[in-house]
Structure formats: C-alpha cells, structure tokens
C-alpha atoms as a PDB file:
ATOM      1  CA  MET A   1      23.979  -5.312 -53.338  1.00  0.00           C
ATOM      2  CA  GLN A   2      20.420  -5.260 -51.983  1.00  0.00           C
ATOM      3  CA  LEU A   3      21.335  -7.735 -49.228  1.00  0.00           C
ATOM      4  CA  PHE A   4      24.314  -5.544 -48.233  1.00  0.00           C
ATOM      5  CA  SER A   5      22.051  -2.480 -48.093  1.00  0.00           C
ATOM      6  CA  ARG A   6      19.540  -4.233 -45.803  1.00  0.00           C
ATOM      7  CA  THR A   7      22.325  -5.471 -43.533  1.00  0.00           C
ATOM      8  CA  LYS A   8      23.779  -1.981 -43.304  1.00  0.00           C
ATOM      9  CA  GLN A   9      20.373  -0.505 -42.436  1.00  0.00           C
ATOM     10  CA  LYS A  10      19.834  -3.157 -39.764  1.00  0.00           C
ATOM     11  CA  GLN A  11      23.217  -2.438 -38.196  1.00  0.00           C
ATOM     12  CA  LYS A  12      22.522   1.274 -38.246  1.00  0.00           C
ATOM     13  CA  SER A  13      19.173   0.834 -36.491  1.00  0.00           C
ATOM     14  CA  VAL A  14      20.742  -0.752 -33.390  1.00  0.00           C
ATOM     15  CA  ARG A  15      23.348   1.942 -32.773  1.00  0.00           C
ATOM     16  CA  VAL A  16      23.243   3.605 -29.367  1.00  0.00           C
ATOM     17  CA  MET A  17      25.045   6.912 -29.062  1.00  0.00           C
ATOM     18  CA  ILE A  18      27.248   7.502 -25.998  1.00  0.00           C
ATOM     19  CA  ARG A  19      27.690  11.184 -25.258  1.00  0.00           C
ATOM     20  CA  SER A  20      29.712  13.116 -22.719  1.00  0.00           C
ATOM     21  CA  GLN A  21      28.414  16.221 -20.981  1.00  0.00           C
ATOM     22  CA  ASN A  22      30.217  17.948 -18.109  1.00  0.00           C
ATOM     23  CA  GLY A  23      32.371  14.854 -17.712  1.00  0.00           C
ATOM     24  CA  ARG A  24      29.361  12.517 -17.448  1.00  0.00           C
ATOM     25  CA  PHE A  25      28.705   9.742 -19.922  1.00  0.00           C
ATOM     26  CA  PHE A  26      25.090   9.232 -20.884  1.00  0.00           C
ATOM     27  CA  MET A  27      22.892   7.783 -23.612  1.00  0.00           C
ATOM     28  CA  PRO A  28      20.107   9.953 -25.052  1.00  0.00           C
ATOM     29  CA  GLY A  29      16.865   9.017 -23.303  1.00  0.00           C
ATOM     30  CA  MET A  30      18.624   6.985 -20.577  1.00  0.00           C
ATOM     31  CA  GLY A  31      16.531   6.823 -17.410  1.00  0.00           C
ATOM     32  CA  LEU A  32      13.688   8.940 -18.875  1.00  0.00           C
ATOM     33  CA  TRP A  33      10.211   7.440 -18.530  1.00  0.00           C
ATOM     34  CA  HIS A  34       9.294   7.994 -22.197  1.00  0.00           C
ATOM     35  CA  SER A  35      12.283   5.891 -23.285  1.00  0.00           C
ATOM     36  CA  TYR A  36      10.329   2.795 -22.100  1.00  0.00           C
ATOM     37  CA  TRP A  37       7.595   3.114 -24.721  1.00  0.00           C
ATOM     38  CA  ARG A  38       8.488  -0.342 -26.079  1.00  0.00           C
ATOM     39  CA  ASP A  39       8.145  -1.813 -22.576  1.00  0.00           C
ATOM     40  CA  PRO A  40       4.638  -0.853 -21.323  1.00  0.00           C
ATOM     41  CA  TYR A  41       5.093  -2.325 -17.819  1.00  0.00           C
ATOM     42  CA  HIS A  42       8.250  -0.287 -17.101  1.00  0.00           C
ATOM     43  CA  LEU A  43       6.655   2.730 -18.762  1.00  0.00           C
ATOM     44  CA  LEU A  44       3.693   2.621 -16.365  1.00  0.00           C
ATOM     45  CA  LEU A  45       6.038   2.230 -13.391  1.00  0.00           C
ATOM     46  CA  ALA A  46       8.383   5.037 -14.444  1.00  0.00           C
ATOM     47  CA  ILE A  47       5.870   7.598 -15.711  1.00  0.00           C
ATOM     48  CA  PRO A  48       5.048  10.454 -13.254  1.00  0.00           C
ATOM     49  CA  TRP A  49       1.866  10.060 -11.207  1.00  0.00           C
ATOM     50  CA  GLN A  50       0.086  12.725 -13.269  1.00  0.00           C
ATOM     51  CA  GLY A  51       0.768  10.731 -16.433  1.00  0.00           C
ATOM     52  CA  PHE A  52      -0.279   7.446 -14.789  1.00  0.00           C
ATOM     53  CA  ILE A  53      -3.622   8.938 -13.698  1.00  0.00           C
ATOM     54  CA  CYS A  54      -4.183  10.476 -17.152  1.00  0.00           C
ATOM     55  CA  LEU A  55      -3.423   7.181 -18.912  1.00  0.00           C
ATOM     56  CA  SER A  56      -5.741   5.317 -16.523  1.00  0.00           C
ATOM     57  CA  ALA A  57      -8.531   7.837 -17.180  1.00  0.00           C
ATOM     58  CA  LEU A  58      -7.940   7.589 -20.935  1.00  0.00           C
ATOM     59  CA  LEU A  59      -8.137   3.778 -20.786  1.00  0.00           C
ATOM     60  CA  TYR A  60     -11.325   3.991 -18.713  1.00  0.00           C
ATOM     61  CA  LEU A  61     -12.994   6.386 -21.154  1.00  0.00           C
ATOM     62  CA  THR A  62     -11.857   4.415 -24.202  1.00  0.00           C
ATOM     63  CA  ILE A  63     -13.287   1.124 -22.902  1.00  0.00           C
ATOM     64  CA  ASN A  64     -16.615   2.753 -22.078  1.00  0.00           C
ATOM     65  CA  LEU A  65     -16.755   4.528 -25.440  1.00  0.00           C
ATOM     66  CA  VAL A  66     -16.107   1.263 -27.310  1.00  0.00           C
ATOM     67  CA  PHE A  67     -18.836  -0.594 -25.418  1.00  0.00           C
ATOM     68  CA  ALA A  68     -21.236   2.347 -25.732  1.00  0.00           C
ATOM     69  CA  ILE A  69     -20.864   2.127 -29.517  1.00  0.00           C
ATOM     70  CA  ALA A  70     -21.352  -1.649 -29.302  1.00  0.00           C
ATOM     71  CA  TYR A  71     -24.624  -1.209 -27.373  1.00  0.00           C
ATOM     72  CA  LEU A  72     -25.899   1.163 -30.078  1.00  0.00           C
ATOM     73  CA  VAL A  73     -25.556  -1.542 -32.754  1.00  0.00           C
ATOM     74  CA  GLY A  74     -29.053  -2.869 -33.393  1.00  0.00           C
ATOM     75  CA  ASP A  75     -32.324  -1.725 -31.843  1.00  0.00           C
ATOM     76  CA  ASP A  76     -33.605  -1.708 -28.293  1.00  0.00           C
ATOM     77  CA  ASN A  77     -30.629  -3.416 -26.671  1.00  0.00           C
ATOM     78  CA  ILE A  78     -31.026  -1.473 -23.402  1.00  0.00           C
ATOM     79  CA  ALA A  79     -34.346  -1.252 -21.591  1.00  0.00           C
ATOM     80  CA  ASN A  80     -35.509   2.242 -20.523  1.00  0.00           C
ATOM     81  CA  ALA A  81     -32.845   3.913 -22.690  1.00  0.00           C
ATOM     82  CA  GLN A  82     -33.777   6.403 -25.356  1.00  0.00           C
ATOM     83  CA  PRO A  83     -33.391   4.731 -28.780  1.00  0.00           C
ATOM     84  CA  GLY A  84     -30.114   5.786 -30.421  1.00  0.00           C
ATOM     85  CA  SER A  85     -29.000   7.846 -27.394  1.00  0.00           C
ATOM     86  CA  PHE A  86     -25.211   7.692 -27.147  1.00  0.00           C
ATOM     87  CA  PHE A  87     -25.228   9.196 -23.642  1.00  0.00           C
ATOM     88  CA  ASP A  88     -27.618   6.550 -22.310  1.00  0.00           C
ATOM     89  CA  ALA A  89     -25.454   3.816 -23.869  1.00  0.00           C
ATOM     90  CA  PHE A  90     -22.289   5.375 -22.452  1.00  0.00           C
ATOM     91  CA  PHE A  91     -23.637   5.699 -18.904  1.00  0.00           C
ATOM     92  CA  PHE A  92     -25.062   2.172 -19.056  1.00  0.00           C
ATOM     93  CA  SER A  93     -21.532   1.041 -19.965  1.00  0.00           C
ATOM     94  CA  VAL A  94     -20.137   2.970 -16.975  1.00  0.00           C
ATOM     95  CA  GLN A  95     -22.652   1.283 -14.652  1.00  0.00           C
ATOM     96  CA  THR A  96     -21.801  -2.148 -16.077  1.00  0.00           C
ATOM     97  CA  PHE A  97     -18.030  -1.583 -15.960  1.00  0.00           C
ATOM     98  CA  ALA A  98     -18.196  -0.521 -12.300  1.00  0.00           C
ATOM     99  CA  SER A  99     -20.748  -3.226 -11.367  1.00  0.00           C
ATOM    100  CA  ILE A 100     -23.109  -0.515 -10.080  1.00  0.00           C
ATOM    101  CA  GLY A 101     -26.344  -1.869 -11.576  1.00  0.00           C
ATOM    102  CA  TYR A 102     -28.907   0.768 -10.635  1.00  0.00           C
ATOM    103  CA  GLY A 103     -31.630  -1.299 -12.296  1.00  0.00           C
ATOM    104  CA  ALA A 104     -33.126   1.611 -14.240  1.00  0.00           C
ATOM    105  CA  MET A 105     -31.422   0.376 -17.435  1.00  0.00           C
ATOM    106  CA  TYR A 106     -30.702  -3.275 -18.188  1.00  0.00           C
ATOM    107  CA  PRO A 107     -29.908  -5.434 -21.228  1.00  0.00           C
ATOM    108  CA  GLN A 108     -32.925  -6.944 -22.927  1.00  0.00           C
ATOM    109  CA  THR A 109     -31.480  -8.762 -25.949  1.00  0.00           C
ATOM    110  CA  SER A 110     -29.089 -11.671 -26.337  1.00  0.00           C
ATOM    111  CA  TYR A 111     -26.655  -9.389 -28.134  1.00  0.00           C
ATOM    112  CA  ALA A 112     -26.716  -6.848 -25.266  1.00  0.00           C
ATOM    113  CA  ASN A 113     -26.222  -9.596 -22.680  1.00  0.00           C
ATOM    114  CA  THR A 114     -23.186 -10.815 -24.646  1.00  0.00           C
ATOM    115  CA  CYS A 115     -21.728  -7.282 -24.623  1.00  0.00           C
ATOM    116  CA  VAL A 116     -22.389  -7.020 -20.863  1.00  0.00           C
ATOM    117  CA  THR A 117     -20.569 -10.323 -20.315  1.00  0.00           C
ATOM    118  CA  LEU A 118     -17.552  -9.125 -22.305  1.00  0.00           C
ATOM    119  CA  GLU A 119     -17.516  -5.779 -20.516  1.00  0.00           C
ATOM    120  CA  ALA A 120     -17.755  -7.420 -17.090  1.00  0.00           C
ATOM    121  CA  PHE A 121     -14.722  -9.589 -17.926  1.00  0.00           C
ATOM    122  CA  THR A 122     -12.850  -6.553 -19.298  1.00  0.00           C
ATOM    123  CA  SER A 123     -13.668  -4.692 -16.083  1.00  0.00           C
ATOM    124  CA  LEU A 124     -12.253  -7.499 -13.902  1.00  0.00           C
ATOM    125  CA  VAL A 125      -8.998  -7.640 -15.877  1.00  0.00           C
ATOM    126  CA  SER A 126      -8.575  -3.854 -16.125  1.00  0.00           C
ATOM    127  CA  ILE A 127      -9.201  -3.169 -12.434  1.00  0.00           C
ATOM    128  CA  ALA A 128      -6.848  -5.995 -11.408  1.00  0.00           C
ATOM    129  CA  MET A 129      -4.077  -4.644 -13.669  1.00  0.00           C
ATOM    130  CA  LEU A 130      -4.468  -1.013 -12.535  1.00  0.00           C
ATOM    131  CA  THR A 131      -4.624  -2.046  -8.865  1.00  0.00           C
ATOM    132  CA  GLY A 132      -1.434  -4.100  -9.253  1.00  0.00           C
ATOM    133  CA  LEU A 133       0.364  -1.259 -11.020  1.00  0.00           C
ATOM    134  CA  ALA A 134      -0.735   1.298  -8.423  1.00  0.00           C
ATOM    135  CA  PHE A 135       0.436  -0.975  -5.594  1.00  0.00           C
ATOM    136  CA  ALA A 136       3.787  -1.552  -7.325  1.00  0.00           C
ATOM    137  CA  ARG A 137       4.270   2.212  -7.658  1.00  0.00           C
ATOM    138  CA  PHE A 138       3.337   2.895  -4.001  1.00  0.00           C
ATOM    139  CA  SER A 139       5.426   0.028  -2.620  1.00  0.00           C
ATOM    140  CA  HIS A 140       8.554   0.904  -4.608  1.00  0.00           C
ATOM    141  CA  PRO A 141      11.222   1.640  -1.949  1.00  0.00           C
ATOM    142  CA  THR A 142      13.047   4.955  -2.216  1.00  0.00           C
ATOM    143  CA  THR A 143      15.816   6.633  -0.272  1.00  0.00           C
ATOM    144  CA  ARG A 144      16.562  10.200   0.717  1.00  0.00           C
ATOM    145  CA  VAL A 145      20.327   9.962   0.799  1.00  0.00           C
ATOM    146  CA  LEU A 146      22.184  13.217   0.232  1.00  0.00           C
ATOM    147  CA  PHE A 147      25.720  13.281  -1.175  1.00  0.00           C
ATOM    148  CA  SER A 148      28.014  16.291  -0.978  1.00  0.00           C
ATOM    149  CA  ARG A 149      28.107  18.309  -4.184  1.00  0.00           C
ATOM    150  CA  VAL A 150      31.884  17.864  -4.431  1.00  0.00           C
ATOM    151  CA  ALA A 151      34.549  15.425  -3.303  1.00  0.00           C
ATOM    152  CA  VAL A 152      37.951  16.555  -2.041  1.00  0.00           C
ATOM    153  CA  ILE A 153      41.461  15.138  -2.110  1.00  0.00           C
ATOM    154  CA  THR A 154      43.286  16.165   1.020  1.00  0.00           C
ATOM    155  CA  THR A 155      45.807  14.793   3.495  1.00  0.00           C
ATOM    156  CA  HIS A 156      44.374  12.575   6.227  1.00  0.00           C
ATOM    157  CA  GLU A 157      46.764  11.078   8.798  1.00  0.00           C
ATOM    158  CA  GLY A 158      49.664  11.783   6.486  1.00  0.00           C
ATOM    159  CA  ILE A 159      48.138  10.076   3.418  1.00  0.00           C
ATOM    160  CA  PRO A 160      46.432  11.778   0.438  1.00  0.00           C
ATOM    161  CA  THR A 161      42.782  10.771   0.738  1.00  0.00           C
ATOM    162  CA  LEU A 162      39.680  11.081  -1.418  1.00  0.00           C
ATOM    163  CA  ILE A 163      36.794  12.203   0.813  1.00  0.00           C
ATOM    164  CA  PHE A 164      33.101  12.882   0.267  1.00  0.00           C
ATOM    165  CA  ARG A 165      30.037  13.042   2.517  1.00  0.00           C
ATOM    166  CA  ALA A 166      26.735  11.159   2.614  1.00  0.00           C
ATOM    167  CA  ALA A 167      23.704  11.850   4.809  1.00  0.00           C
ATOM    168  CA  ASN A 168      20.444  10.017   5.499  1.00  0.00           C
ATOM    169  CA  GLN A 169      17.833  12.772   5.269  1.00  0.00           C
ATOM    170  CA  ARG A 170      15.060  10.593   6.706  1.00  0.00           C
ATOM    171  CA  HIS A 171      17.091  10.002   9.891  1.00  0.00           C
ATOM    172  CA  ASN A 172      15.751   6.474  10.156  1.00  0.00           C
ATOM    173  CA  HIS A 173      17.905   3.351  10.315  1.00  0.00           C
ATOM    174  CA  ILE A 174      19.381   1.960   7.104  1.00  0.00           C
ATOM    175  CA  LEU A 175      20.707  -1.314   8.472  1.00  0.00           C
ATOM    176  CA  GLU A 176      23.867  -2.989   7.188  1.00  0.00           C
ATOM    177  CA  ALA A 177      24.530  -0.050   4.887  1.00  0.00           C
ATOM    178  CA  GLN A 178      27.223  -0.747   2.324  1.00  0.00           C
ATOM    179  CA  LEU A 179      29.116   1.659   0.093  1.00  0.00           C
ATOM    180  CA  ARG A 180      30.960   0.727  -3.064  1.00  0.00           C
ATOM    181  CA  VAL A 181      33.088   3.304  -4.859  1.00  0.00           C
ATOM    182  CA  TYR A 182      34.519   2.926  -8.353  1.00  0.00           C
ATOM    183  CA  LEU A 183      36.856   4.905 -10.584  1.00  0.00           C
ATOM    184  CA  ILE A 184      35.851   4.874 -14.253  1.00  0.00           C
ATOM    185  CA  ARG A 185      38.346   6.307 -16.743  1.00  0.00           C
ATOM    186  CA  GLU A 186      39.541   6.048 -20.305  1.00  0.00           C
ATOM    187  CA  GLU A 187      42.616   3.887 -20.801  1.00  0.00           C
ATOM    188  CA  VAL A 188      44.596   2.379 -23.678  1.00  0.00           C
ATOM    189  CA  SER A 189      45.294  -1.362 -23.424  1.00  0.00           C
ATOM    190  CA  ALA A 190      48.649  -3.030 -24.162  1.00  0.00           C
ATOM    191  CA  GLU A 191      47.278  -3.820 -27.633  1.00  0.00           C
ATOM    192  CA  GLY A 192      46.626  -0.126 -28.240  1.00  0.00           C
ATOM    193  CA  LYS A 193      42.841  -0.408 -27.977  1.00  0.00           C
ATOM    194  CA  PHE A 194      40.677   2.199 -26.301  1.00  0.00           C
ATOM    195  CA  VAL A 195      38.840   0.883 -23.214  1.00  0.00           C
ATOM    196  CA  LEU A 196      36.653   2.378 -20.514  1.00  0.00           C
ATOM    197  CA  LYS A 197      38.023   0.682 -17.403  1.00  0.00           C
ATOM    198  CA  ILE A 198      36.414   0.344 -13.972  1.00  0.00           C
ATOM    199  CA  HIS A 199      38.579   0.193 -10.828  1.00  0.00           C
ATOM    200  CA  ASP A 200      37.427  -0.601  -7.284  1.00  0.00           C
ATOM    201  CA  LEU A 201      38.387   1.980  -4.671  1.00  0.00           C
ATOM    202  CA  GLU A 202      39.010   0.544  -1.209  1.00  0.00           C
ATOM    203  CA  LEU A 203      37.508   2.556   1.631  1.00  0.00           C
ATOM    204  CA  VAL A 204      38.597   3.103   5.208  1.00  0.00           C
ATOM    205  CA  ARG A 205      35.077   1.981   6.188  1.00  0.00           C
ATOM    206  CA  SER A 206      32.775   0.551   3.528  1.00  0.00           C
ATOM    207  CA  ARG A 207      30.045  -0.814   5.846  1.00  0.00           C
ATOM    208  CA  SER A 208      27.964   0.624   8.663  1.00  0.00           C
ATOM    209  CA  PRO A 209      25.695  -1.362  11.006  1.00  0.00           C
ATOM    210  CA  SER A 210      23.217   1.530  11.007  1.00  0.00           C
ATOM    211  CA  PHE A 211      23.344   4.584   8.746  1.00  0.00           C
ATOM    212  CA  ILE A 212      21.297   7.267  10.530  1.00  0.00           C
ATOM    213  CA  ALA A 213      22.848  10.714  10.124  1.00  0.00           C
ATOM    214  CA  THR A 214      26.086  11.352   8.224  1.00  0.00           C
ATOM    215  CA  TRP A 215      28.905   9.296   6.781  1.00  0.00           C
ATOM    216  CA  MET A 216      32.362  10.626   5.947  1.00  0.00           C
ATOM    217  CA  VAL A 217      33.614   8.320   3.197  1.00  0.00           C
ATOM    218  CA  MET A 218      37.407   8.089   2.744  1.00  0.00           C
ATOM    219  CA  HIS A 219      39.620   6.334   0.203  1.00  0.00           C
ATOM    220  CA  PRO A 220      43.379   6.460   1.010  1.00  0.00           C
ATOM    221  CA  ILE A 221      45.445   7.145  -2.121  1.00  0.00           C
ATOM    222  CA  ASN A 222      48.383   4.823  -1.493  1.00  0.00           C
ATOM    223  CA  GLU A 223      50.500   2.842  -3.954  1.00  0.00           C
ATOM    224  CA  SER A 224      47.730   0.262  -4.479  1.00  0.00           C
ATOM    225  CA  SER A 225      45.129   2.933  -5.299  1.00  0.00           C
ATOM    226  CA  PRO A 226      44.131   3.516  -8.956  1.00  0.00           C
ATOM    227  CA  LEU A 227      44.306   7.245  -8.131  1.00  0.00           C
ATOM    228  CA  TYR A 228      47.963   7.030  -7.080  1.00  0.00           C
ATOM    229  CA  GLY A 229      50.101   9.480  -9.035  1.00  0.00           C
ATOM    230  CA  MET A 230      47.134  11.155 -10.719  1.00  0.00           C
ATOM    231  CA  THR A 231      46.652  14.910 -10.789  1.00  0.00           C
ATOM    232  CA  ALA A 232      43.720  17.195 -11.496  1.00  0.00           C
ATOM    233  CA  GLU A 233      44.942  17.471 -15.088  1.00  0.00           C
ATOM    234  CA  SER A 234      45.246  13.705 -15.610  1.00  0.00           C
ATOM    235  CA  LEU A 235      41.755  13.160 -14.161  1.00  0.00           C
ATOM    236  CA  LEU A 236      40.389  15.574 -16.759  1.00  0.00           C
ATOM    237  CA  ALA A 237      42.466  14.086 -19.589  1.00  0.00           C
ATOM    238  CA  THR A 238      41.212  10.542 -18.875  1.00  0.00           C
ATOM    239  CA  LYS A 239      37.624  11.729 -18.294  1.00  0.00           C
ATOM    240  CA  SER A 240      37.675  10.096 -14.879  1.00  0.00           C
ATOM    241  CA  VAL A 241      34.432   9.659 -12.952  1.00  0.00           C
ATOM    242  CA  ILE A 242      33.972   8.500  -9.352  1.00  0.00           C
ATOM    243  CA  THR A 243      30.800   6.401  -9.072  1.00  0.00           C
ATOM    244  CA  ILE A 244      29.164   5.597  -5.733  1.00  0.00           C
ATOM    245  CA  SER A 245      26.612   2.892  -4.984  1.00  0.00           C
ATOM    246  CA  LEU A 246      24.937   2.678  -1.556  1.00  0.00           C
ATOM    247  CA  SER A 247      22.626  -0.122  -0.449  1.00  0.00           C
ATOM    248  CA  GLY A 248      21.068  -1.233   2.820  1.00  0.00           C
ATOM    249  CA  LEU A 249      17.942  -2.466   4.568  1.00  0.00           C
ATOM    250  CA  ASP A 250      15.446   0.267   5.376  1.00  0.00           C
ATOM    251  CA  GLU A 251      14.167  -0.536   8.885  1.00  0.00           C
ATOM    252  CA  THR A 252      10.865   1.271   8.298  1.00  0.00           C
ATOM    253  CA  LEU A 253      10.049  -0.465   5.008  1.00  0.00           C
ATOM    254  CA  ALA A 254      11.870  -3.747   5.764  1.00  0.00           C
ATOM    255  CA  GLN A 255      13.124  -3.615   2.176  1.00  0.00           C
ATOM    256  CA  MET A 256      16.452  -3.104   0.461  1.00  0.00           C
ATOM    257  CA  VAL A 257      17.027   0.455  -0.717  1.00  0.00           C
ATOM    258  CA  HIS A 258      19.626   1.845  -3.089  1.00  0.00           C
ATOM    259  CA  ALA A 259      21.165   5.210  -3.875  1.00  0.00           C
ATOM    260  CA  ARG A 260      23.825   6.252  -6.347  1.00  0.00           C
ATOM    261  CA  HIS A 261      25.889   9.291  -7.150  1.00  0.00           C
ATOM    262  CA  LEU A 262      28.903  10.271  -9.199  1.00  0.00           C
ATOM    263  CA  TYR A 263      31.619  12.904  -9.225  1.00  0.00           C
ATOM    264  CA  THR A 264      33.246  14.096 -12.413  1.00  0.00           C
ATOM    265  CA  ALA A 265      36.845  15.272 -12.540  1.00  0.00           C
ATOM    266  CA  GLU A 266      35.635  18.892 -12.264  1.00  0.00           C
ATOM    267  CA  GLU A 267      33.800  18.060  -9.031  1.00  0.00           C
ATOM    268  CA  ILE A 268      36.895  16.672  -7.301  1.00  0.00           C
ATOM    269  CA  LEU A 269      38.687  19.510  -5.491  1.00  0.00           C
ATOM    270  CA  TRP A 270      42.350  19.266  -4.531  1.00  0.00           C
ATOM    271  CA  ASN A 271      43.990  20.559  -1.352  1.00  0.00           C
ATOM    272  CA  GLN A 272      40.694  21.492   0.259  1.00  0.00           C
ATOM    273  CA  GLN A 273      38.765  20.051   3.178  1.00  0.00           C
ATOM    274  CA  PHE A 274      35.156  19.877   4.292  1.00  0.00           C
ATOM    275  CA  VAL A 275      33.889  22.303   6.891  1.00  0.00           C
ATOM    276  CA  ASP A 276      33.114  20.486  10.137  1.00  0.00           C
ATOM    277  CA  ILE A 277      29.367  20.054  10.721  1.00  0.00           C
ATOM    278  CA  ILE A 278      29.423  18.368  14.152  1.00  0.00           C
ATOM    279  CA  TYR A 279      29.463  20.759  17.091  1.00  0.00           C
ATOM    280  CA  ARG A 280      29.334  20.562  20.876  1.00  0.00           C
ATOM    281  CA  THR A 281      27.025  22.617  23.059  1.00  0.00           C
ATOM    282  CA  SER A 282      28.046  24.143  26.375  1.00  0.00           C
ATOM    283  CA  ASP A 283      26.370  21.296  28.271  1.00  0.00           C
ATOM    284  CA  GLY A 284      28.346  18.630  26.403  1.00  0.00           C
ATOM    285  CA  GLN A 285      25.655  17.652  23.873  1.00  0.00           C
ATOM    286  CA  ARG A 286      26.343  17.327  20.146  1.00  0.00           C
ATOM    287  CA  TYR A 287      24.415  18.519  17.124  1.00  0.00           C
ATOM    288  CA  ILE A 288      24.831  18.447  13.339  1.00  0.00           C
ATOM    289  CA  ASP A 289      24.494  21.620  11.269  1.00  0.00           C
ATOM    290  CA  TYR A 290      23.512  20.514   7.767  1.00  0.00           C
ATOM    291  CA  SER A 291      23.719  24.078   6.428  1.00  0.00           C
ATOM    292  CA  TYR A 292      27.473  23.499   5.987  1.00  0.00           C
ATOM    293  CA  PHE A 293      27.115  19.981   4.548  1.00  0.00           C
ATOM    294  CA  HIS A 294      28.460  20.961   1.100  1.00  0.00           C
ATOM    295  CA  GLU A 295      30.908  23.624   2.265  1.00  0.00           C
ATOM    296  CA  VAL A 296      34.688  23.245   1.775  1.00  0.00           C
ATOM    297  CA  GLU A 297      37.608  25.426   2.773  1.00  0.00           C
ATOM    298  CA  GLU A 298      41.241  25.887   1.848  1.00  0.00           C
ATOM    299  CA  ILE A 299      43.749  23.944   3.920  1.00  0.00           C
ATOM    300  CA  ALA A 300      45.556  26.359   6.208  1.00  0.00           C
END
C-alpha cells in the first residue's frame, strides 16, 4: 500500500497541464523566463536585462560580503585597516576581486593571503562566466517579422485560398527565407482514440531568395488540402490552429533567424480579402503603405 502511494505521488508530480485559451493550446509557464529556474543557464539567457543586471549585482555583492567576513576572522589580517572594521574588509575585498590593488591595504598574514588567492580565482571564474553570458545575450539573433493579425479564406484564381501577410520590419535581406505552414486540429483515429494531428499545408510559394518587404502567403484549398471541405464551424469544433514557422539567413548578422506565428479558428475570416498596400505614384514609382497591413474588406 505504501509503495502504491509513493508511485501515485511520483506520477502526479510529473503531470503537465495543457490548457486552451482563445483557441490556443499552452502549458502554464511555457516560454516564461521564470519557468527555467531548474536550468540556470537558460534562466540567465531568458531573464529580462533588468533581472540579469540585478542578479549580477547580487552575485557581486554576495561574493564580496562573504570574503569580507572571511577577512575579519582572526586579527590583523589586512595592513592599514582598522581592526574589526567591516567596511575596510569589504572594500579590500572589492579591490582584490577587481584586481585594483591600490596598495594602501594589503594582506599581511598567511591566512589573509590564502583568502586573497581564493578570491582572485573566484574573480577570474565569475568574470569569465558573466562575460560569456552577456555576449550570448547580445549575440542572440532576433527578427522583426510582422504577421497580419488575421488570415482570410477567399477565392484566388477560381480556387478557395488561405491567405495571410508577412513583413520584414527591418527592411534588410533575409536570404533564402523559407515558410512552413501547418494545420493542427483535434481528430479521432480509426481506433476511436483522441489525437492532436499536424498536417502540412502546401503553399503557392514557400521560399524566397530575399525577403525584404512583404510576403503574401497563399495555400490553395484543393482536394489534397487538409482544409478541403471545412467550414468556419468545423474549424471551431476541431479547435483548429494554423501555425507558421519562418526561417532564413539574416544578411546583416550572417546568422539564421526564426519567427513564428499562429492563427486560431476565430482569427481566420471567410469571404474577405486583404486591402491592397502596394500603390503607384503618378511618375510610375511604387510604395508600400503599412498602415493598411492588417486591414481586410468584404468581397464585392
């Protein structure tokens, strides 16, 4: 009975809840920096810069406080320091940790020299770790890819087509950009089991040699499409979600960058179309008006 109770508790402790909110599946704490508390490296990479600086300052103060207390053990460990002065011991620790060495205070016992040796090694390791973490945070590639707030299903060249927009807000080159689009929905297998199935959606154009401005992404809903025969009601009933993954080589950073987005069934509009955002001037030039990027209109 006791063994069964322990097994039950162990099984209960590894449960991960999957919730649904506004048609989106998520796990509590997913993607939040404080969910990495068991993984310190990822925590320090994911935490906001304010938190990273505060944690670094806290570590710095803690190390100096510990060594200041160590220097106070015994008598006359630090030359030219007031006996028993915590502030003198603390600032001597700061000078040692930063390798400043003013010369006004210096260790004068074997015990103090041992503490200085340990603190110097701790300083080397700490500075190397914080420098590496700061560099990893600065060098982490990011994108500024904007996706339209909604997707539409409208007729394009006589075929019902799922359409959404993407835009590169940096207006630099994302080379060999590639888009992958998936339909995720609830289904019941032939054995009567509930499954969350992922379907690939083929695009009219899934690759671009250089993604600079905008990209009109289109998936034709023909007989081979997983969306064929579906309606707005069936999308809601199956809790369907359209997931987008974009990747490419950022020419400025010379690194791969990624962006993702998703549309729930409520964010897929039927029998509407996007407002055109590309215009011609009187002298034959073209320009893009991003103020209408998210705008849709009824099909006339």
